[in-house]
């Protein structure tokens, strides 16, 4: 009885799942800097702390929305906009820090909803937007600008962190941020396609 070669197994897998394909696993190396564009450890710690503070502010807003915390003076939308401004400042200072771009994209998705790439009339008619936007009355111009910013941020974060060759390693933190950016972009495209097909 003969044994199957690796190639045979890959062919059988391809028959079983035509969308599958051999892919190289992502190589993760704990000894690498947490962000490939912020090599200095103390600088990275300072940037990451600023980012964590912004994320905590957004989580605080979510607790207010869920009525698990008293409401603040400012509306949730205004608080999110202030957080985005802080992320803008961080990105202006460190334009190659991918995690801030990923988080800004997430914050913009929270403000404008997961169906931000779809025409506003479709969004309002469709009950499929699981992420209820904070700015339900956003203009078409604002939605288009936010959509462009989200996709630009995600594309930039991915390009900053994606290994340049199949054999290049990245840090665990960079791998996590890369995964999140790819997932966000995929979710936006998936929800958009799902909504426009219906």
N, C-alpha and C. Protein backbone atom coordinates (compact mmCIF):
# COMPACT_ATOMS: atom_id res chain seq x y z
N UNK A 1 0.85 -1.18 0.00
CA UNK A 1 0.00 0.00 0.00
C UNK A 1 0.89 1.23 0.00
N UNK A 2 0.64 2.16 -0.92
CA UNK A 2 1.48 3.35 -0.99
C UNK A 2 0.94 4.43 -0.05
N UNK A 3 1.83 5.32 0.33
CA UNK A 3 1.43 6.43 1.20
C UNK A 3 1.25 7.68 0.36
N UNK A 4 0.46 8.56 0.87
CA UNK A 4 0.20 9.82 0.17
C UNK A 4 1.34 10.80 0.43
N UNK A 5 1.74 11.49 -0.61
CA UNK A 5 2.77 12.53 -0.45
C UNK A 5 2.10 13.80 0.06
N UNK A 6 2.91 14.74 0.45
CA UNK A 6 2.40 16.04 0.89
C UNK A 6 1.58 16.69 -0.23
N UNK A 7 2.09 16.60 -1.46
CA UNK A 7 1.37 17.16 -2.61
C UNK A 7 0.01 16.49 -2.77
N UNK A 8 -0.03 15.17 -2.63
CA UNK A 8 -1.31 14.44 -2.74
C UNK A 8 -2.31 14.94 -1.70
N UNK A 9 -1.83 15.13 -0.48
CA UNK A 9 -2.70 15.61 0.59
C UNK A 9 -3.22 17.02 0.29
N UNK A 10 -2.36 17.87 -0.25
CA UNK A 10 -2.78 19.23 -0.60
C UNK A 10 -3.82 19.21 -1.71
N UNK A 11 -3.65 18.33 -2.69
CA UNK A 11 -4.63 18.21 -3.78
C UNK A 11 -5.97 17.73 -3.23
N UNK A 12 -5.95 16.74 -2.36
CA UNK A 12 -7.19 16.25 -1.75
C UNK A 12 -7.86 17.34 -0.92
N UNK A 13 -7.08 18.10 -0.20
CA UNK A 13 -7.62 19.20 0.60
C UNK A 13 -8.25 20.26 -0.30
N UNK A 14 -7.62 20.53 -1.43
CA UNK A 14 -8.13 21.50 -2.39
C UNK A 14 -9.47 21.03 -2.97
N UNK A 15 -9.60 19.75 -3.21
CA UNK A 15 -10.86 19.19 -3.71
C UNK A 15 -11.95 19.35 -2.65
N UNK A 16 -11.59 19.04 -1.41
CA UNK A 16 -12.53 19.15 -0.30
C UNK A 16 -12.95 20.59 -0.07
N UNK A 17 -11.99 21.52 -0.12
CA UNK A 17 -12.24 22.94 0.14
C UNK A 17 -11.52 23.77 -0.91
N UNK A 18 -12.20 24.12 -2.00
CA UNK A 18 -11.55 24.82 -3.11
C UNK A 18 -10.94 26.16 -2.72
N UNK A 19 -11.43 26.77 -1.66
CA UNK A 19 -10.88 28.06 -1.26
C UNK A 19 -9.64 27.93 -0.40
N UNK A 20 -9.34 26.73 0.01
CA UNK A 20 -8.15 26.55 0.84
C UNK A 20 -6.92 26.53 -0.04
N UNK A 21 -5.83 26.73 0.56
CA UNK A 21 -4.58 26.68 -0.19
C UNK A 21 -3.43 26.62 0.79
N UNK A 22 -2.33 26.11 0.34
CA UNK A 22 -1.20 26.08 1.25
C UNK A 22 -0.76 27.50 1.56
N UNK A 23 -0.65 27.80 2.81
CA UNK A 23 -0.18 29.13 3.19
C UNK A 23 0.89 28.97 4.26
N UNK A 24 1.83 29.85 4.19
CA UNK A 24 2.89 29.81 5.19
C UNK A 24 2.37 30.36 6.50
N UNK A 25 2.66 29.71 7.59
CA UNK A 25 2.22 30.24 8.88
C UNK A 25 3.00 31.53 9.19
N UNK A 26 2.37 32.40 9.94
CA UNK A 26 3.02 33.63 10.37
C UNK A 26 4.09 33.27 11.40
N UNK A 27 5.29 33.75 11.19
CA UNK A 27 6.38 33.46 12.11
C UNK A 27 6.44 34.54 13.18
N UNK A 28 6.26 34.14 14.43
CA UNK A 28 6.24 35.07 15.55
C UNK A 28 7.51 34.89 16.36
N UNK A 29 8.13 36.01 16.71
CA UNK A 29 9.39 36.00 17.45
C UNK A 29 9.28 36.96 18.63
N UNK A 30 9.30 36.42 19.85
CA UNK A 30 9.17 37.23 21.06
C UNK A 30 10.31 38.21 21.27
N UNK A 31 11.44 37.98 20.63
CA UNK A 31 12.60 38.85 20.85
C UNK A 31 12.55 40.13 20.02
N UNK A 32 11.63 40.20 19.07
CA UNK A 32 11.52 41.40 18.22
C UNK A 32 10.82 42.54 18.97
N UNK A 33 11.07 43.78 18.55
CA UNK A 33 10.35 44.92 19.15
C UNK A 33 8.85 44.74 18.96
N UNK A 34 8.06 45.23 19.92
CA UNK A 34 6.61 45.05 19.85
C UNK A 34 6.02 45.70 18.61
N UNK A 35 6.60 46.80 18.16
CA UNK A 35 6.19 47.43 16.91
C UNK A 35 7.44 47.61 16.07
N UNK A 36 7.44 47.13 14.83
CA UNK A 36 8.66 47.19 14.02
C UNK A 36 9.11 48.61 13.67
N UNK A 37 8.23 49.59 13.89
CA UNK A 37 8.57 50.97 13.55
C UNK A 37 8.85 51.83 14.78
N UNK A 38 8.72 51.23 15.96
CA UNK A 38 9.06 51.92 17.21
C UNK A 38 10.02 51.01 17.95
N UNK A 39 11.29 51.17 17.67
CA UNK A 39 12.32 50.27 18.17
C UNK A 39 12.67 50.55 19.63
N UNK A 40 12.69 51.83 20.00
CA UNK A 40 13.07 52.22 21.35
C UNK A 40 12.00 51.77 22.35
N UNK A 41 12.39 50.96 23.32
CA UNK A 41 11.44 50.38 24.28
C UNK A 41 10.71 51.44 25.10
N UNK A 42 11.43 52.45 25.59
CA UNK A 42 10.78 53.47 26.42
C UNK A 42 9.81 54.31 25.59
N UNK A 43 10.16 54.59 24.34
CA UNK A 43 9.25 55.32 23.46
C UNK A 43 8.00 54.49 23.20
N UNK A 44 8.18 53.19 22.95
CA UNK A 44 7.04 52.32 22.72
C UNK A 44 6.13 52.30 23.96
N UNK A 45 6.72 52.20 25.14
CA UNK A 45 5.92 52.16 26.38
C UNK A 45 5.10 53.44 26.53
N UNK A 46 5.71 54.58 26.21
CA UNK A 46 5.01 55.87 26.32
C UNK A 46 3.86 55.94 25.33
N UNK A 47 4.10 55.53 24.09
CA UNK A 47 3.06 55.54 23.06
C UNK A 47 1.93 54.58 23.44
N UNK A 48 2.30 53.38 23.85
CA UNK A 48 1.30 52.36 24.20
C UNK A 48 0.45 52.81 25.39
N UNK A 49 1.06 53.50 26.36
CA UNK A 49 0.30 53.99 27.51
C UNK A 49 -0.70 55.06 27.09
N UNK A 50 -0.26 55.97 26.23
CA UNK A 50 -1.19 56.99 25.71
C UNK A 50 -2.36 56.33 24.99
N UNK A 51 -2.06 55.33 24.19
CA UNK A 51 -3.11 54.61 23.47
C UNK A 51 -4.04 53.88 24.43
N UNK A 52 -3.48 53.23 25.44
CA UNK A 52 -4.32 52.52 26.44
C UNK A 52 -5.27 53.50 27.13
N UNK A 53 -4.76 54.70 27.47
CA UNK A 53 -5.61 55.70 28.12
C UNK A 53 -6.79 56.09 27.23
N UNK A 54 -6.53 56.22 25.93
CA UNK A 54 -7.60 56.56 24.98
C UNK A 54 -8.61 55.41 24.91
N UNK A 55 -8.12 54.19 24.85
CA UNK A 55 -9.01 53.02 24.78
C UNK A 55 -9.85 52.92 26.05
N UNK A 56 -9.24 53.19 27.20
CA UNK A 56 -10.00 53.17 28.45
C UNK A 56 -11.10 54.22 28.44
N UNK A 57 -10.83 55.37 27.84
CA UNK A 57 -11.85 56.42 27.72
C UNK A 57 -13.02 55.92 26.87
N UNK A 58 -12.71 55.22 25.78
CA UNK A 58 -13.78 54.68 24.92
C UNK A 58 -14.57 53.59 25.66
N UNK A 59 -13.87 52.76 26.41
CA UNK A 59 -14.57 51.72 27.19
C UNK A 59 -15.47 52.36 28.23
N UNK A 60 -15.03 53.48 28.79
CA UNK A 60 -15.83 54.21 29.76
C UNK A 60 -17.13 54.71 29.12
N UNK A 61 -17.03 55.20 27.90
CA UNK A 61 -18.22 55.65 27.16
C UNK A 61 -19.18 54.48 26.95
N UNK A 62 -18.64 53.32 26.60
CA UNK A 62 -19.49 52.15 26.39
C UNK A 62 -20.21 51.74 27.68
N UNK A 63 -19.54 51.88 28.81
CA UNK A 63 -20.19 51.59 30.10
C UNK A 63 -21.31 52.58 30.37
N UNK A 64 -21.11 53.84 29.99
CA UNK A 64 -22.17 54.85 30.14
C UNK A 64 -23.36 54.51 29.25
N UNK A 65 -23.09 54.12 28.02
CA UNK A 65 -24.17 53.76 27.08
C UNK A 65 -24.97 52.57 27.61
N UNK A 66 -24.27 51.61 28.21
CA UNK A 66 -24.93 50.42 28.76
C UNK A 66 -25.56 50.70 30.12
N UNK A 67 -25.46 51.94 30.58
CA UNK A 67 -26.00 52.38 31.87
C UNK A 67 -25.38 51.62 33.04
N UNK A 68 -24.12 51.23 32.87
CA UNK A 68 -23.38 50.59 33.95
C UNK A 68 -22.52 51.61 34.69
N UNK A 69 -22.56 52.83 34.22
CA UNK A 69 -21.80 53.92 34.80
C UNK A 69 -22.60 55.21 34.57
N UNK A 70 -22.54 56.16 35.50
CA UNK A 70 -23.30 57.40 35.30
C UNK A 70 -22.86 58.12 34.03
N UNK A 71 -23.83 58.77 33.39
CA UNK A 71 -23.54 59.51 32.16
C UNK A 71 -22.65 60.71 32.45
N UNK A 72 -21.81 61.03 31.50
CA UNK A 72 -20.94 62.20 31.61
C UNK A 72 -21.68 63.42 31.07
N UNK A 73 -21.06 64.59 31.25
CA UNK A 73 -21.64 65.82 30.74
C UNK A 73 -21.77 65.80 29.22
N UNK A 74 -20.73 65.31 28.56
CA UNK A 74 -20.72 65.25 27.10
C UNK A 74 -21.47 64.01 26.61
N UNK A 75 -22.05 64.11 25.43
CA UNK A 75 -22.74 62.96 24.83
C UNK A 75 -21.71 61.88 24.48
N UNK A 76 -22.16 60.63 24.34
CA UNK A 76 -21.24 59.58 23.91
C UNK A 76 -20.55 59.91 22.59
N UNK A 77 -21.30 60.50 21.64
CA UNK A 77 -20.71 60.88 20.36
C UNK A 77 -19.58 61.89 20.55
N UNK A 78 -19.81 62.90 21.37
CA UNK A 78 -18.77 63.92 21.62
C UNK A 78 -17.56 63.30 22.30
N UNK A 79 -17.80 62.37 23.22
CA UNK A 79 -16.68 61.72 23.90
C UNK A 79 -15.86 60.88 22.92
N UNK A 80 -16.54 60.16 22.02
CA UNK A 80 -15.82 59.37 21.01
C UNK A 80 -15.04 60.28 20.07
N UNK A 81 -15.64 61.40 19.69
CA UNK A 81 -14.94 62.34 18.82
C UNK A 81 -13.68 62.88 19.50
N UNK A 82 -13.76 63.12 20.81
CA UNK A 82 -12.58 63.57 21.55
C UNK A 82 -11.51 62.49 21.57
N UNK A 83 -11.92 61.24 21.71
CA UNK A 83 -10.96 60.12 21.67
C UNK A 83 -10.30 60.01 20.30
N UNK A 84 -11.09 60.20 19.26
CA UNK A 84 -10.53 60.16 17.90
C UNK A 84 -9.53 61.28 17.71
N UNK A 85 -9.82 62.46 18.26
CA UNK A 85 -8.87 63.57 18.15
C UNK A 85 -7.56 63.21 18.86
N UNK A 86 -7.64 62.55 20.00
CA UNK A 86 -6.42 62.13 20.70
C UNK A 86 -5.65 61.10 19.88
N UNK A 87 -6.37 60.19 19.22
CA UNK A 87 -5.72 59.23 18.33
C UNK A 87 -5.10 59.94 17.13
N UNK A 88 -5.80 60.96 16.59
CA UNK A 88 -5.24 61.75 15.50
C UNK A 88 -3.90 62.37 15.91
N UNK A 89 -3.88 62.93 17.13
CA UNK A 89 -2.65 63.55 17.63
C UNK A 89 -1.52 62.53 17.75
N UNK A 90 -1.85 61.35 18.26
CA UNK A 90 -0.86 60.28 18.41
C UNK A 90 -0.34 59.84 17.04
N UNK A 91 -1.23 59.71 16.08
CA UNK A 91 -0.83 59.28 14.74
C UNK A 91 -0.01 60.37 14.04
N UNK A 92 -0.35 61.62 14.27
CA UNK A 92 0.44 62.72 13.69
C UNK A 92 1.86 62.67 14.23
N UNK A 93 1.97 62.39 15.52
CA UNK A 93 3.29 62.31 16.16
C UNK A 93 4.05 61.05 15.76
N UNK A 94 3.34 59.93 15.63
CA UNK A 94 3.95 58.64 15.29
C UNK A 94 3.17 58.01 14.13
N UNK A 95 3.36 58.49 12.91
CA UNK A 95 2.54 58.03 11.77
C UNK A 95 2.71 56.56 11.41
N UNK A 96 3.78 55.93 11.86
CA UNK A 96 4.00 54.51 11.54
C UNK A 96 3.63 53.58 12.68
N UNK A 97 2.92 54.08 13.68
CA UNK A 97 2.46 53.25 14.78
C UNK A 97 1.10 52.66 14.39
N UNK A 98 1.12 51.43 13.94
CA UNK A 98 -0.05 50.79 13.32
C UNK A 98 -1.22 50.59 14.28
N UNK A 99 -0.95 50.31 15.53
CA UNK A 99 -2.02 50.02 16.47
C UNK A 99 -2.98 51.20 16.64
N UNK A 100 -2.44 52.42 16.66
CA UNK A 100 -3.30 53.61 16.79
C UNK A 100 -4.21 53.74 15.57
N UNK A 101 -3.69 53.42 14.40
CA UNK A 101 -4.51 53.47 13.19
C UNK A 101 -5.63 52.43 13.26
N UNK A 102 -5.32 51.24 13.74
CA UNK A 102 -6.32 50.19 13.89
C UNK A 102 -7.41 50.63 14.87
N UNK A 103 -7.00 51.24 15.98
CA UNK A 103 -7.98 51.68 16.98
C UNK A 103 -8.80 52.88 16.50
N UNK A 104 -8.18 53.76 15.71
CA UNK A 104 -8.95 54.89 15.16
C UNK A 104 -10.02 54.35 14.20
N UNK A 105 -9.66 53.35 13.40
CA UNK A 105 -10.64 52.74 12.50
C UNK A 105 -11.80 52.14 13.30
N UNK A 106 -11.48 51.49 14.40
CA UNK A 106 -12.53 50.90 15.25
C UNK A 106 -13.43 51.98 15.83
N UNK A 107 -12.84 53.08 16.28
CA UNK A 107 -13.64 54.17 16.85
C UNK A 107 -14.54 54.80 15.79
N UNK A 108 -14.03 54.98 14.59
CA UNK A 108 -14.85 55.53 13.50
C UNK A 108 -15.99 54.58 13.14
N UNK A 109 -15.71 53.28 13.17
CA UNK A 109 -16.78 52.30 12.93
C UNK A 109 -17.85 52.42 14.00
N UNK A 110 -17.46 52.69 15.22
CA UNK A 110 -18.43 52.82 16.31
C UNK A 110 -19.31 54.05 16.09
N UNK A 111 -18.71 55.13 15.60
CA UNK A 111 -19.48 56.35 15.37
C UNK A 111 -20.42 56.20 14.18
N UNK A 112 -19.92 55.64 13.08
CA UNK A 112 -20.69 55.62 11.83
C UNK A 112 -21.34 54.27 11.52
N UNK A 113 -21.05 53.25 12.29
CA UNK A 113 -21.68 51.95 12.08
C UNK A 113 -20.92 51.05 11.13
N UNK A 114 -21.22 49.78 11.20
CA UNK A 114 -20.54 48.78 10.39
C UNK A 114 -20.93 48.82 8.92
N UNK A 115 -22.01 49.52 8.61
CA UNK A 115 -22.45 49.59 7.21
C UNK A 115 -22.07 50.94 6.59
N UNK A 116 -21.00 51.51 7.07
CA UNK A 116 -20.58 52.84 6.61
C UNK A 116 -20.23 52.88 5.12
N UNK A 117 -19.92 51.74 4.52
CA UNK A 117 -19.56 51.72 3.10
C UNK A 117 -20.79 51.66 2.19
N UNK A 118 -21.97 51.53 2.79
CA UNK A 118 -23.21 51.39 2.03
C UNK A 118 -23.91 52.74 2.01
N UNK A 119 -24.64 53.01 0.93
CA UNK A 119 -25.40 54.26 0.83
C UNK A 119 -26.29 54.42 2.07
N UNK A 120 -26.44 55.64 2.52
CA UNK A 120 -27.20 55.93 3.74
C UNK A 120 -28.62 55.39 3.67
N UNK A 121 -29.30 55.55 2.54
CA UNK A 121 -30.68 55.06 2.44
C UNK A 121 -30.74 53.55 2.68
N UNK A 122 -29.73 52.81 2.17
CA UNK A 122 -29.68 51.36 2.38
C UNK A 122 -29.47 51.04 3.85
N UNK A 123 -28.62 51.85 4.50
CA UNK A 123 -28.31 51.61 5.90
C UNK A 123 -29.56 51.78 6.76
N UNK A 124 -30.33 52.83 6.47
CA UNK A 124 -31.49 53.09 7.30
C UNK A 124 -32.59 52.07 7.06
N UNK A 125 -32.69 51.57 5.83
CA UNK A 125 -33.71 50.58 5.52
C UNK A 125 -33.32 49.20 6.03
N UNK A 126 -32.04 48.94 6.07
CA UNK A 126 -31.57 47.61 6.45
C UNK A 126 -31.51 47.49 7.96
N UNK A 127 -32.03 46.43 8.50
CA UNK A 127 -31.96 46.23 9.94
C UNK A 127 -30.78 45.37 10.32
N UNK A 128 -29.78 45.24 9.45
CA UNK A 128 -28.68 44.31 9.71
C UNK A 128 -27.49 44.95 10.39
N UNK A 129 -27.52 46.25 10.66
CA UNK A 129 -26.37 46.91 11.26
C UNK A 129 -26.34 46.60 12.75
N UNK A 130 -25.57 45.59 13.12
CA UNK A 130 -25.51 45.16 14.51
C UNK A 130 -24.84 46.21 15.38
N UNK A 131 -23.92 46.97 14.81
CA UNK A 131 -23.23 48.02 15.54
C UNK A 131 -24.00 49.30 15.30
N UNK A 132 -24.93 49.62 16.19
CA UNK A 132 -25.75 50.81 16.03
C UNK A 132 -24.84 52.03 16.09
N UNK A 133 -24.85 52.86 15.05
CA UNK A 133 -23.94 54.00 15.02
C UNK A 133 -24.30 55.04 16.07
N UNK A 134 -23.28 55.69 16.61
CA UNK A 134 -23.51 56.78 17.55
C UNK A 134 -24.03 58.01 16.82
N UNK A 135 -23.63 58.17 15.57
CA UNK A 135 -24.09 59.30 14.77
C UNK A 135 -25.02 58.78 13.68
N UNK A 136 -26.26 58.55 14.06
CA UNK A 136 -27.24 57.98 13.13
C UNK A 136 -27.69 59.00 12.09
N UNK A 137 -27.39 60.28 12.31
CA UNK A 137 -27.80 61.34 11.39
C UNK A 137 -26.63 61.88 10.58
N UNK A 138 -25.55 61.13 10.47
CA UNK A 138 -24.37 61.60 9.73
C UNK A 138 -24.73 61.85 8.27
N UNK A 139 -24.14 62.90 7.71
CA UNK A 139 -24.38 63.22 6.30
C UNK A 139 -23.65 62.22 5.41
N UNK A 140 -24.08 62.17 4.16
CA UNK A 140 -23.41 61.29 3.20
C UNK A 140 -21.94 61.65 3.04
N UNK A 141 -21.64 62.93 3.08
CA UNK A 141 -20.25 63.39 2.97
C UNK A 141 -19.43 62.90 4.15
N UNK A 142 -19.99 63.02 5.36
CA UNK A 142 -19.27 62.55 6.55
C UNK A 142 -19.04 61.04 6.50
N UNK A 143 -20.06 60.31 6.02
CA UNK A 143 -19.93 58.85 5.93
C UNK A 143 -18.85 58.46 4.93
N UNK A 144 -18.82 59.14 3.78
CA UNK A 144 -17.80 58.83 2.77
C UNK A 144 -16.41 59.13 3.29
N UNK A 145 -16.26 60.28 3.96
CA UNK A 145 -14.96 60.64 4.51
C UNK A 145 -14.53 59.64 5.58
N UNK A 146 -15.46 59.27 6.45
CA UNK A 146 -15.14 58.28 7.50
C UNK A 146 -14.77 56.94 6.87
N UNK A 147 -15.51 56.52 5.84
CA UNK A 147 -15.22 55.26 5.16
C UNK A 147 -13.82 55.26 4.57
N UNK A 148 -13.48 56.36 3.89
CA UNK A 148 -12.13 56.48 3.32
C UNK A 148 -11.06 56.44 4.40
N UNK A 149 -11.33 57.12 5.52
CA UNK A 149 -10.36 57.13 6.62
C UNK A 149 -10.19 55.76 7.25
N UNK A 150 -11.30 55.06 7.44
CA UNK A 150 -11.23 53.72 8.03
C UNK A 150 -10.44 52.78 7.13
N UNK A 151 -10.79 52.74 5.85
CA UNK A 151 -10.09 51.84 4.93
C UNK A 151 -8.63 52.23 4.78
N UNK A 152 -8.35 53.52 4.75
CA UNK A 152 -6.97 53.99 4.66
C UNK A 152 -6.17 53.58 5.90
N UNK A 153 -6.78 53.77 7.08
CA UNK A 153 -6.10 53.38 8.33
C UNK A 153 -5.82 51.89 8.36
N UNK A 154 -6.81 51.09 7.99
CA UNK A 154 -6.63 49.64 8.03
C UNK A 154 -5.60 49.18 7.01
N UNK A 155 -5.67 49.74 5.81
CA UNK A 155 -4.67 49.39 4.78
C UNK A 155 -3.27 49.77 5.23
N UNK A 156 -3.14 50.95 5.84
CA UNK A 156 -1.82 51.41 6.30
C UNK A 156 -1.32 50.53 7.44
N UNK A 157 -2.19 50.20 8.39
CA UNK A 157 -1.80 49.34 9.51
C UNK A 157 -1.33 47.98 8.99
N UNK A 158 -2.05 47.43 8.04
CA UNK A 158 -1.69 46.13 7.46
C UNK A 158 -0.35 46.23 6.74
N UNK A 159 -0.17 47.28 5.95
CA UNK A 159 1.09 47.40 5.21
C UNK A 159 2.28 47.65 6.14
N UNK A 160 2.04 48.32 7.26
CA UNK A 160 3.12 48.56 8.21
C UNK A 160 3.56 47.28 8.93
N UNK A 161 2.62 46.37 9.14
CA UNK A 161 2.91 45.19 9.97
C UNK A 161 3.09 43.89 9.19
N UNK A 162 2.57 43.82 7.99
CA UNK A 162 2.67 42.57 7.22
C UNK A 162 4.14 42.25 6.94
N UNK A 163 4.54 41.01 7.18
CA UNK A 163 5.93 40.64 6.89
C UNK A 163 6.25 40.87 5.42
N UNK A 164 7.44 41.36 5.16
CA UNK A 164 7.83 41.68 3.78
C UNK A 164 8.12 40.43 2.95
N UNK A 165 8.45 39.34 3.61
CA UNK A 165 8.68 38.07 2.93
C UNK A 165 7.97 36.97 3.72
N UNK A 166 7.70 35.83 3.11
CA UNK A 166 7.04 34.73 3.84
C UNK A 166 7.88 34.20 5.00
N UNK A 167 9.17 34.51 5.03
CA UNK A 167 10.05 33.97 6.06
C UNK A 167 10.37 34.99 7.13
N UNK A 168 9.86 36.21 7.00
CA UNK A 168 10.14 37.25 7.99
C UNK A 168 9.28 37.03 9.23
N UNK A 169 9.85 37.32 10.38
CA UNK A 169 9.13 37.16 11.65
C UNK A 169 8.60 38.51 12.11
N UNK A 170 7.55 38.46 12.93
CA UNK A 170 7.06 39.66 13.59
C UNK A 170 6.80 39.34 15.06
N UNK A 171 6.68 40.38 15.86
CA UNK A 171 6.46 40.19 17.30
C UNK A 171 5.02 39.75 17.56
N UNK A 172 4.76 39.17 18.73
CA UNK A 172 3.38 38.77 19.06
C UNK A 172 2.41 39.96 19.04
N UNK A 173 2.87 41.11 19.55
CA UNK A 173 2.00 42.29 19.57
C UNK A 173 1.68 42.74 18.14
N UNK A 174 2.69 42.76 17.28
CA UNK A 174 2.47 43.15 15.87
C UNK A 174 1.54 42.15 15.19
N UNK A 175 1.70 40.87 15.50
CA UNK A 175 0.83 39.84 14.91
C UNK A 175 -0.62 40.04 15.34
N UNK A 176 -0.83 40.39 16.61
CA UNK A 176 -2.18 40.63 17.12
C UNK A 176 -2.81 41.84 16.43
N UNK A 177 -2.06 42.93 16.33
CA UNK A 177 -2.59 44.13 15.67
C UNK A 177 -2.87 43.87 14.20
N UNK A 178 -1.97 43.15 13.53
CA UNK A 178 -2.16 42.80 12.12
C UNK A 178 -3.43 41.97 11.96
N UNK A 179 -3.63 41.00 12.83
CA UNK A 179 -4.82 40.16 12.79
C UNK A 179 -6.09 41.00 12.99
N UNK A 180 -6.05 41.93 13.94
CA UNK A 180 -7.21 42.78 14.20
C UNK A 180 -7.53 43.67 12.99
N UNK A 181 -6.50 44.24 12.37
CA UNK A 181 -6.72 45.11 11.21
C UNK A 181 -7.30 44.31 10.04
N UNK A 182 -6.75 43.13 9.80
CA UNK A 182 -7.27 42.28 8.72
C UNK A 182 -8.71 41.87 9.00
N UNK A 183 -9.01 41.55 10.25
CA UNK A 183 -10.36 41.15 10.64
C UNK A 183 -11.34 42.29 10.46
N UNK A 184 -10.95 43.49 10.91
CA UNK A 184 -11.84 44.66 10.75
C UNK A 184 -12.14 44.93 9.28
N UNK A 185 -11.10 44.93 8.47
CA UNK A 185 -11.29 45.20 7.04
C UNK A 185 -12.19 44.12 6.42
N UNK A 186 -11.93 42.87 6.77
CA UNK A 186 -12.76 41.78 6.26
C UNK A 186 -14.21 41.90 6.70
N UNK A 187 -14.43 42.28 7.96
CA UNK A 187 -15.79 42.44 8.47
C UNK A 187 -16.53 43.54 7.72
N UNK A 188 -15.85 44.66 7.49
CA UNK A 188 -16.48 45.75 6.74
C UNK A 188 -16.88 45.31 5.34
N UNK A 189 -15.96 44.66 4.65
CA UNK A 189 -16.26 44.21 3.28
C UNK A 189 -17.35 43.14 3.29
N UNK A 190 -17.31 42.24 4.25
CA UNK A 190 -18.31 41.17 4.32
C UNK A 190 -19.70 41.75 4.56
N UNK A 191 -19.82 42.64 5.55
CA UNK A 191 -21.12 43.23 5.85
C UNK A 191 -21.63 44.08 4.69
N UNK A 192 -20.71 44.77 4.02
CA UNK A 192 -21.10 45.59 2.86
C UNK A 192 -21.62 44.70 1.74
N UNK A 193 -20.90 43.63 1.44
CA UNK A 193 -21.32 42.72 0.37
C UNK A 193 -22.65 42.06 0.73
N UNK A 194 -22.78 41.66 1.97
CA UNK A 194 -24.00 40.99 2.42
C UNK A 194 -25.21 41.92 2.31
N UNK A 195 -25.00 43.19 2.62
CA UNK A 195 -26.09 44.16 2.58
C UNK A 195 -26.46 44.55 1.16
N UNK A 196 -25.47 44.71 0.30
CA UNK A 196 -25.77 45.14 -1.07
C UNK A 196 -26.35 44.03 -1.92
N UNK A 197 -26.14 42.78 -1.53
CA UNK A 197 -26.68 41.64 -2.28
C UNK A 197 -28.16 41.44 -1.96
N UNK A 198 -28.53 41.75 -0.73
CA UNK A 198 -29.92 41.52 -0.27
C UNK A 198 -30.91 42.36 -1.05
